[in-house]
Amino acid sequence: MSLEQLTLLSTTFIVLSGASLLLGAYFIRTKKNITLHRNTMLVATLFAALFLVAYVTRWVTYGSKPFGGEGIWQLIYFVILVPHIILAIAVGPLALYLIWLAMRERNFKRHRRFARITLPIWLFVAASGWVIYFMLYQMF
């Protein structure tokens, strides 16, 4: 696969993960449908895992792409990139912990509490990942 194909593939996976997260939150908050919520959130996790495989494959094969913008664009890029990286590192263990809590089917109170923290972090990572892709590969 080319650099462009792997980049588009990994970006598509993280966007699909974010869309699945929103859908899963909708199913539990609005419809109170635990089965659809669980399945959709597992799909979100699968897309996130596929993103990680495609991203690491791209990084190992092609390395990092330097940002082509200058001045204020470079500042904006790094203001988005730094929290994206930090939160992306945190979201993996948080998501796995949420899955573990949900599968135990004993303490949904704790699951809900951690989900209220994890969902916005995961959504930020998905959205900022798309913005980073756009800035790296489309803008400059």
C-alpha atoms as a PDB file:
ATOM      1  CA  MET A   1       0.000   0.000   0.000  1.00  0.00           C
ATOM      2  CA  SER A   2       1.151   3.512  -0.716  1.00  0.00           C
ATOM      3  CA  LEU A   3       1.630   6.195   1.921  1.00  0.00           C
ATOM      4  CA  GLU A   4      -1.516   7.961   0.731  1.00  0.00           C
ATOM      5  CA  GLN A   5      -3.600   4.778   0.860  1.00  0.00           C
ATOM      6  CA  LEU A   6      -2.442   3.841   4.366  1.00  0.00           C
ATOM      7  CA  THR A   7      -3.002   7.396   5.565  1.00  0.00           C
ATOM      8  CA  LEU A   8      -6.511   7.520   4.148  1.00  0.00           C
ATOM      9  CA  LEU A   9      -7.267   4.061   5.537  1.00  0.00           C
ATOM     10  CA  SER A  10      -6.097   4.900   9.064  1.00  0.00           C
ATOM     11  CA  THR A  11      -7.984   8.207   8.999  1.00  0.00           C
ATOM     12  CA  THR A  12     -11.137   6.479   7.766  1.00  0.00           C
ATOM     13  CA  PHE A  13     -10.905   3.954  10.610  1.00  0.00           C
ATOM     14  CA  ILE A  14     -10.614   6.639  13.291  1.00  0.00           C
ATOM     15  CA  VAL A  15     -13.505   8.630  11.809  1.00  0.00           C
ATOM     16  CA  LEU A  16     -15.643   5.468  11.751  1.00  0.00           C
ATOM     17  CA  SER A  17     -14.629   4.829  15.349  1.00  0.00           C
ATOM     18  CA  GLY A  18     -15.817   8.312  16.321  1.00  0.00           C
ATOM     19  CA  ALA A  19     -19.099   7.891  14.417  1.00  0.00           C
ATOM     20  CA  SER A  20     -19.652   4.545  16.156  1.00  0.00           C
ATOM     21  CA  LEU A  21     -19.010   6.186  19.527  1.00  0.00           C
ATOM     22  CA  LEU A  22     -21.661   8.806  18.855  1.00  0.00           C
ATOM     23  CA  LEU A  23     -24.118   6.158  17.738  1.00  0.00           C
ATOM     24  CA  GLY A  24     -23.389   4.000  20.790  1.00  0.00           C
ATOM     25  CA  ALA A  25     -23.914   6.970  23.110  1.00  0.00           C
ATOM     26  CA  TYR A  26     -27.193   7.713  21.336  1.00  0.00           C
ATOM     27  CA  PHE A  27     -28.399   4.127  21.791  1.00  0.00           C
ATOM     28  CA  ILE A  28     -27.812   4.133  25.532  1.00  0.00           C
ATOM     29  CA  ARG A  29     -28.818   7.704  26.370  1.00  0.00           C
ATOM     30  CA  THR A  30     -31.833   8.117  24.126  1.00  0.00           C
ATOM     31  CA  LYS A  31     -33.074   4.603  23.388  1.00  0.00           C
ATOM     32  CA  LYS A  32     -31.846   2.873  26.571  1.00  0.00           C
ATOM     33  CA  ASN A  33     -30.913  -0.070  24.338  1.00  0.00           C
ATOM     34  CA  ILE A  34     -28.026  -1.858  26.065  1.00  0.00           C
ATOM     35  CA  THR A  35     -27.549  -4.453  23.306  1.00  0.00           C
ATOM     36  CA  LEU A  36     -27.201  -1.893  20.504  1.00  0.00           C
ATOM     37  CA  HIS A  37     -25.003   0.258  22.756  1.00  0.00           C
ATOM     38  CA  ARG A  38     -22.680  -2.634  23.568  1.00  0.00           C
ATOM     39  CA  ASN A  39     -22.400  -3.797  19.972  1.00  0.00           C
ATOM     40  CA  THR A  40     -21.819  -0.314  18.593  1.00  0.00           C
ATOM     41  CA  MET A  41     -19.178   0.458  21.205  1.00  0.00           C
ATOM     42  CA  LEU A  42     -17.399  -2.803  20.392  1.00  0.00           C
ATOM     43  CA  VAL A  43     -17.466  -1.788  16.714  1.00  0.00           C
ATOM     44  CA  ALA A  44     -15.951   1.572  17.733  1.00  0.00           C
ATOM     45  CA  THR A  45     -13.205  -0.307  19.552  1.00  0.00           C
ATOM     46  CA  LEU A  46     -12.608  -2.534  16.527  1.00  0.00           C
ATOM     47  CA  PHE A  47     -12.276   0.508  14.245  1.00  0.00           C
ATOM     48  CA  ALA A  48      -9.870   2.091  16.739  1.00  0.00           C
ATOM     49  CA  ALA A  49      -7.776  -1.100  16.751  1.00  0.00           C
ATOM     50  CA  LEU A  50      -7.779  -1.187  12.933  1.00  0.00           C
ATOM     51  CA  PHE A  51      -6.703   2.456  12.954  1.00  0.00           C
ATOM     52  CA  LEU A  52      -3.794   1.582  15.213  1.00  0.00           C
ATOM     53  CA  VAL A  53      -2.674  -1.279  12.942  1.00  0.00           C
ATOM     54  CA  ALA A  54      -2.863   0.928   9.826  1.00  0.00           C
ATOM     55  CA  TYR A  55      -1.147   3.844  11.585  1.00  0.00           C
ATOM     56  CA  VAL A  56       1.726   1.760  12.949  1.00  0.00           C
ATOM     57  CA  THR A  57       2.139   0.031   9.577  1.00  0.00           C
ATOM     58  CA  ARG A  58       2.323   3.418   7.873  1.00  0.00           C
ATOM     59  CA  TRP A  59       4.767   4.788  10.460  1.00  0.00           C
ATOM     60  CA  VAL A  60       7.055   1.738  10.270  1.00  0.00           C
ATOM     61  CA  THR A  61       6.967   1.700   6.463  1.00  0.00           C
ATOM     62  CA  TYR A  62       7.174   5.422   5.671  1.00  0.00           C
ATOM     63  CA  GLY A  63       8.126   7.242   8.879  1.00  0.00           C
ATOM     64  CA  SER A  64       6.663  10.539  10.024  1.00  0.00           C
ATOM     65  CA  LYS A  65       5.551  13.306   7.695  1.00  0.00           C
ATOM     66  CA  PRO A  66       6.854  16.729   8.673  1.00  0.00           C
ATOM     67  CA  PHE A  67       4.299  19.516   8.855  1.00  0.00           C
ATOM     68  CA  GLY A  68       4.547  21.779   5.813  1.00  0.00           C
ATOM     69  CA  GLY A  69       2.919  24.885   7.224  1.00  0.00           C
ATOM     70  CA  GLU A  70       4.667  27.854   8.773  1.00  0.00           C
ATOM     71  CA  GLY A  71       3.930  30.668  11.192  1.00  0.00           C
ATOM     72  CA  ILE A  72       0.504  30.655  12.804  1.00  0.00           C
ATOM     73  CA  TRP A  73      -0.430  27.394  11.019  1.00  0.00           C
ATOM     74  CA  GLN A  74       2.499  25.636  12.648  1.00  0.00           C
ATOM     75  CA  LEU A  75       1.390  26.897  16.069  1.00  0.00           C
ATOM     76  CA  ILE A  76      -2.208  25.789  15.441  1.00  0.00           C
ATOM     77  CA  TYR A  77      -0.972  22.386  14.278  1.00  0.00           C
ATOM     78  CA  PHE A  78       1.072  21.792  17.439  1.00  0.00           C
ATOM     79  CA  VAL A  79      -1.691  23.105  19.712  1.00  0.00           C
ATOM     80  CA  ILE A  80      -3.901  20.357  18.228  1.00  0.00           C
ATOM     81  CA  LEU A  81      -1.201  17.674  17.932  1.00  0.00           C
ATOM     82  CA  VAL A  82       0.181  17.722  21.504  1.00  0.00           C
ATOM     83  CA  PRO A  83      -3.119  17.099  23.351  1.00  0.00           C
ATOM     84  CA  HIS A  84      -4.113  14.647  20.596  1.00  0.00           C
ATOM     85  CA  ILE A  85      -1.033  12.511  21.294  1.00  0.00           C
ATOM     86  CA  ILE A  86      -1.365  12.682  25.078  1.00  0.00           C
ATOM     87  CA  LEU A  87      -5.064  11.830  25.049  1.00  0.00           C
ATOM     88  CA  ALA A  88      -4.634   9.123  22.384  1.00  0.00           C
ATOM     89  CA  ILE A  89      -2.214   7.370  24.733  1.00  0.00           C
ATOM     90  CA  ALA A  90      -4.735   7.615  27.576  1.00  0.00           C
ATOM     91  CA  VAL A  91      -7.846   6.543  25.655  1.00  0.00           C
ATOM     92  CA  GLY A  92      -6.657   2.976  24.955  1.00  0.00           C
ATOM     93  CA  PRO A  93      -6.401   1.873  28.591  1.00  0.00           C
ATOM     94  CA  LEU A  94      -9.560   3.821  29.473  1.00  0.00           C
ATOM     95  CA  ALA A  95     -11.550   2.099  26.715  1.00  0.00           C
ATOM     96  CA  LEU A  96     -10.278  -1.336  27.716  1.00  0.00           C
ATOM     97  CA  TYR A  97     -11.176  -0.628  31.339  1.00  0.00           C
ATOM     98  CA  LEU A  98     -14.704   0.415  30.279  1.00  0.00           C
ATOM     99  CA  ILE A  99     -15.128  -2.790  28.288  1.00  0.00           C
ATOM    100  CA  TRP A 100     -13.913  -4.812  31.258  1.00  0.00           C
ATOM    101  CA  LEU A 101     -16.354  -3.042  33.597  1.00  0.00           C
ATOM    102  CA  ALA A 102     -19.245  -3.582  31.179  1.00  0.00           C
ATOM    103  CA  MET A 103     -18.459  -7.263  30.626  1.00  0.00           C
ATOM    104  CA  ARG A 104     -18.418  -7.906  34.359  1.00  0.00           C
ATOM    105  CA  GLU A 105     -22.079  -6.777  34.468  1.00  0.00           C
ATOM    106  CA  ARG A 106     -21.834  -5.926  38.135  1.00  0.00           C
ATOM    107  CA  ASN A 107     -20.879  -2.299  38.388  1.00  0.00           C
ATOM    108  CA  PHE A 108     -22.525  -0.204  35.689  1.00  0.00           C
ATOM    109  CA  LYS A 109     -22.333   2.819  37.984  1.00  0.00           C
ATOM    110  CA  ARG A 110     -18.538   2.803  37.702  1.00  0.00           C
ATOM    111  CA  HIS A 111     -18.809   2.071  33.960  1.00  0.00           C
ATOM    112  CA  ARG A 112     -21.062   5.123  33.489  1.00  0.00           C
ATOM    113  CA  ARG A 113     -18.750   7.334  35.553  1.00  0.00           C
ATOM    114  CA  PHE A 114     -15.665   6.395  33.509  1.00  0.00           C
ATOM    115  CA  ALA A 115     -17.629   6.547  30.235  1.00  0.00           C
ATOM    116  CA  ARG A 116     -18.506  10.182  30.921  1.00  0.00           C
ATOM    117  CA  ILE A 117     -14.766  10.881  31.041  1.00  0.00           C
ATOM    118  CA  THR A 118     -13.662   8.557  28.256  1.00  0.00           C
ATOM    119  CA  LEU A 119     -16.263   9.413  25.597  1.00  0.00           C
ATOM    120  CA  PRO A 120     -15.283  13.091  25.194  1.00  0.00           C
ATOM    121  CA  ILE A 121     -11.586  12.176  25.246  1.00  0.00           C
ATOM    122  CA  TRP A 122     -12.063   9.501  22.580  1.00  0.00           C
ATOM    123  CA  LEU A 123     -14.205  11.828  20.455  1.00  0.00           C
ATOM    124  CA  PHE A 124     -11.558  14.555  20.717  1.00  0.00           C
ATOM    125  CA  VAL A 125      -8.871  12.094  19.631  1.00  0.00           C
ATOM    126  CA  ALA A 126     -10.972  10.966  16.663  1.00  0.00           C
ATOM    127  CA  ALA A 127     -11.857  14.517  15.574  1.00  0.00           C
ATOM    128  CA  SER A 128      -8.391  15.949  16.114  1.00  0.00           C
ATOM    129  CA  GLY A 129      -6.923  12.978  14.231  1.00  0.00           C
ATOM    130  CA  TRP A 130      -9.004  13.973  11.228  1.00  0.00           C
ATOM    131  CA  VAL A 131      -7.908  17.626  11.570  1.00  0.00           C
ATOM    132  CA  ILE A 132      -4.258  16.551  11.798  1.00  0.00           C
ATOM    133  CA  TYR A 133      -4.682  14.405   8.687  1.00  0.00           C
ATOM    134  CA  PHE A 134      -6.277  17.339   6.862  1.00  0.00           C
ATOM    135  CA  MET A 135      -3.525  19.745   7.897  1.00  0.00           C
ATOM    136  CA  LEU A 136      -0.722  17.319   6.979  1.00  0.00           C
ATOM    137  CA  TYR A 137      -2.035  15.886   3.734  1.00  0.00           C
ATOM    138  CA  GLN A 138      -4.572  18.329   2.329  1.00  0.00           C
ATOM    139  CA  MET A 139      -3.708  21.867   3.426  1.00  0.00           C
ATOM    140  CA  PHE A 140       0.049  21.874   2.867  1.00  0.00           C
END
